Amino acid sequence: MNRLKNLIGIVQVWKNNKGQDLIEYALMAGFVAVAAGAIMPGVSENISQIFSKVASSMGSAASQGS
């Protein structure tokens, strides 16, 4: 019986896709930013600064969480 409960739990985890949309939108925003930087060279420096700020914010958040 316990094995059946574990199997049901695993199936429910695989069916859960609540955070999937957020990841897809973030990837799409990244692709648009890279394309804009390739097309408009003046924008690439600003995009680089934004990505650096995001990376440092995520790094500090990760260090606070652990």
N, C-alpha and C. Protein backbone atom coordinates (compact mmCIF):
# COMPACT_ATOMS: atom_id res chain seq x y z
N MET A 1 0.83 -1.20 0.00
CA MET A 1 0.00 0.00 0.00
C MET A 1 0.87 1.27 0.00
N ASN A 2 1.95 1.21 0.76
CA ASN A 2 2.86 2.35 0.83
C ASN A 2 3.51 2.61 -0.53
N ARG A 3 3.80 1.54 -1.23
CA ARG A 3 4.41 1.67 -2.57
C ARG A 3 3.46 2.34 -3.54
N LEU A 4 2.17 2.05 -3.42
CA LEU A 4 1.15 2.67 -4.27
C LEU A 4 1.06 4.17 -3.99
N LYS A 5 1.13 4.54 -2.71
CA LYS A 5 1.09 5.97 -2.35
C LYS A 5 2.29 6.70 -2.93
N ASN A 6 3.45 6.07 -2.88
CA ASN A 6 4.66 6.68 -3.45
C ASN A 6 4.51 6.86 -4.95
N LEU A 7 3.94 5.87 -5.63
CA LEU A 7 3.74 5.96 -7.08
C LEU A 7 2.77 7.07 -7.43
N ILE A 8 1.70 7.19 -6.65
CA ILE A 8 0.73 8.26 -6.90
C ILE A 8 1.38 9.62 -6.68
N GLY A 9 2.22 9.75 -5.66
CA GLY A 9 2.92 11.00 -5.40
C GLY A 9 3.85 11.38 -6.53
N ILE A 10 4.55 10.41 -7.09
CA ILE A 10 5.46 10.67 -8.21
C ILE A 10 4.68 11.13 -9.44
N VAL A 11 3.55 10.49 -9.70
CA VAL A 11 2.73 10.88 -10.86
C VAL A 11 2.21 12.30 -10.69
N GLN A 12 1.82 12.67 -9.47
CA GLN A 12 1.32 14.02 -9.23
C GLN A 12 2.41 15.06 -9.42
N VAL A 13 3.63 14.73 -9.06
CA VAL A 13 4.74 15.67 -9.26
C VAL A 13 4.99 15.88 -10.75
N TRP A 14 4.93 14.81 -11.54
CA TRP A 14 5.15 14.93 -12.98
C TRP A 14 4.04 15.72 -13.65
N LYS A 15 2.83 15.68 -13.12
CA LYS A 15 1.71 16.40 -13.72
C LYS A 15 1.72 17.88 -13.35
N ASN A 16 2.42 18.24 -12.28
CA ASN A 16 2.46 19.62 -11.82
C ASN A 16 3.32 20.46 -12.75
N ASN A 17 2.75 21.48 -13.36
CA ASN A 17 3.49 22.34 -14.28
C ASN A 17 3.20 23.81 -14.01
N LYS A 18 3.01 24.17 -12.73
CA LYS A 18 2.66 25.55 -12.38
C LYS A 18 3.78 26.54 -12.69
N GLY A 19 5.03 26.19 -12.49
CA GLY A 19 6.14 27.12 -12.72
C GLY A 19 6.67 27.12 -14.14
N GLN A 20 6.09 26.31 -14.99
CA GLN A 20 6.59 26.16 -16.35
C GLN A 20 6.46 27.44 -17.16
N ASP A 21 5.35 28.15 -17.03
CA ASP A 21 5.13 29.37 -17.80
C ASP A 21 6.16 30.44 -17.48
N LEU A 22 6.48 30.59 -16.22
CA LEU A 22 7.46 31.60 -15.82
C LEU A 22 8.81 31.34 -16.46
N ILE A 23 9.24 30.11 -16.47
CA ILE A 23 10.53 29.75 -17.08
C ILE A 23 10.50 30.02 -18.57
N GLU A 24 9.39 29.68 -19.22
CA GLU A 24 9.29 29.91 -20.67
C GLU A 24 9.34 31.40 -21.00
N TYR A 25 8.65 32.22 -20.20
CA TYR A 25 8.68 33.66 -20.45
C TYR A 25 10.07 34.24 -20.21
N ALA A 26 10.77 33.74 -19.20
CA ALA A 26 12.12 34.23 -18.93
C ALA A 26 13.06 33.86 -20.07
N LEU A 27 12.94 32.64 -20.57
CA LEU A 27 13.77 32.24 -21.71
C LEU A 27 13.46 33.08 -22.95
N MET A 28 12.19 33.34 -23.18
CA MET A 28 11.81 34.15 -24.35
C MET A 28 12.35 35.57 -24.21
N ALA A 29 12.28 36.14 -23.02
CA ALA A 29 12.83 37.49 -22.80
C ALA A 29 14.33 37.50 -23.04
N GLY A 30 15.00 36.45 -22.63
CA GLY A 30 16.45 36.36 -22.87
C GLY A 30 16.77 36.28 -24.35
N PHE A 31 16.00 35.49 -25.09
CA PHE A 31 16.22 35.38 -26.54
C PHE A 31 15.97 36.71 -27.24
N VAL A 32 14.93 37.41 -26.83
CA VAL A 32 14.63 38.71 -27.44
C VAL A 32 15.76 39.70 -27.14
N ALA A 33 16.28 39.66 -25.92
CA ALA A 33 17.37 40.57 -25.56
C ALA A 33 18.63 40.27 -26.36
N VAL A 34 18.93 39.00 -26.55
CA VAL A 34 20.11 38.63 -27.35
C VAL A 34 19.92 39.05 -28.80
N ALA A 35 18.73 38.84 -29.34
CA ALA A 35 18.46 39.24 -30.73
C ALA A 35 18.54 40.75 -30.88
N ALA A 36 18.02 41.49 -29.91
CA ALA A 36 18.09 42.95 -29.98
C ALA A 36 19.54 43.42 -29.91
N GLY A 37 20.33 42.76 -29.09
CA GLY A 37 21.75 43.13 -29.00
C GLY A 37 22.49 42.84 -30.27
N ALA A 38 22.11 41.78 -30.97
CA ALA A 38 22.77 41.44 -32.24
C ALA A 38 22.37 42.41 -33.34
N ILE A 39 21.12 42.84 -33.32
CA ILE A 39 20.62 43.72 -34.39
C ILE A 39 21.04 45.17 -34.15
N MET A 40 20.97 45.61 -32.90
CA MET A 40 21.28 47.00 -32.57
C MET A 40 22.50 47.04 -31.64
N PRO A 41 23.67 47.28 -32.18
CA PRO A 41 24.89 47.23 -31.35
C PRO A 41 24.90 48.22 -30.18
N GLY A 42 24.25 49.33 -30.31
CA GLY A 42 24.21 50.31 -29.21
C GLY A 42 23.45 49.82 -28.00
N VAL A 43 22.52 48.92 -28.22
CA VAL A 43 21.69 48.39 -27.13
C VAL A 43 22.41 47.29 -26.37
N SER A 44 23.38 46.65 -27.01
CA SER A 44 24.02 45.48 -26.40
C SER A 44 24.72 45.81 -25.08
N GLU A 45 25.28 47.00 -24.95
CA GLU A 45 25.94 47.37 -23.70
C GLU A 45 24.91 47.49 -22.57
N ASN A 46 23.77 48.10 -22.87
CA ASN A 46 22.72 48.23 -21.86
C ASN A 46 22.19 46.85 -21.45
N ILE A 47 22.02 45.97 -22.40
CA ILE A 47 21.53 44.63 -22.12
C ILE A 47 22.54 43.89 -21.25
N SER A 48 23.81 44.07 -21.55
CA SER A 48 24.86 43.42 -20.76
C SER A 48 24.82 43.91 -19.31
N GLN A 49 24.61 45.19 -19.11
CA GLN A 49 24.52 45.72 -17.75
C GLN A 49 23.31 45.15 -17.01
N ILE A 50 22.19 45.02 -17.70
CA ILE A 50 20.98 44.47 -17.08
C ILE A 50 21.21 43.02 -16.67
N PHE A 51 21.81 42.22 -17.56
CA PHE A 51 22.08 40.83 -17.23
C PHE A 51 23.07 40.72 -16.07
N SER A 52 24.03 41.63 -16.00
CA SER A 52 24.97 41.62 -14.88
C SER A 52 24.26 41.93 -13.56
N LYS A 53 23.33 42.89 -13.58
CA LYS A 53 22.58 43.22 -12.37
C LYS A 53 21.71 42.05 -11.94
N VAL A 54 21.06 41.39 -12.90
CA VAL A 54 20.21 40.24 -12.58
C VAL A 54 21.06 39.11 -12.02
N ALA A 55 22.21 38.86 -12.61
CA ALA A 55 23.08 37.79 -12.13
C ALA A 55 23.57 38.07 -10.71
N SER A 56 23.94 39.31 -10.42
CA SER A 56 24.41 39.63 -9.06
C SER A 56 23.26 39.53 -8.06
N SER A 57 22.05 39.93 -8.46
CA SER A 57 20.89 39.82 -7.56
C SER A 57 20.57 38.36 -7.26
N MET A 58 20.64 37.53 -8.30
CA MET A 58 20.36 36.11 -8.09
C MET A 58 21.44 35.45 -7.25
N GLY A 59 22.67 35.86 -7.45
CA GLY A 59 23.76 35.33 -6.64
C GLY A 59 23.64 35.68 -5.18
N SER A 60 23.27 36.93 -4.90
CA SER A 60 23.10 37.32 -3.50
C SER A 60 21.89 36.66 -2.87
N ALA A 61 20.82 36.46 -3.66
CA ALA A 61 19.64 35.76 -3.14
C ALA A 61 19.96 34.31 -2.85
N ALA A 62 20.77 33.69 -3.70
CA ALA A 62 21.13 32.29 -3.50
C ALA A 62 22.01 32.14 -2.26
N SER A 63 22.89 33.09 -2.02
CA SER A 63 23.77 32.99 -0.85
C SER A 63 22.99 33.25 0.44
N GLN A 64 21.94 34.04 0.39
CA GLN A 64 21.12 34.28 1.58
C GLN A 64 20.23 33.08 1.89
N GLY A 65 19.82 32.36 0.86
CA GLY A 65 18.93 31.23 1.06
C GLY A 65 19.61 30.00 1.62
N SER A 66 20.92 29.90 1.49
CA SER A 66 21.60 28.69 1.96
C SER A 66 22.24 28.87 3.31
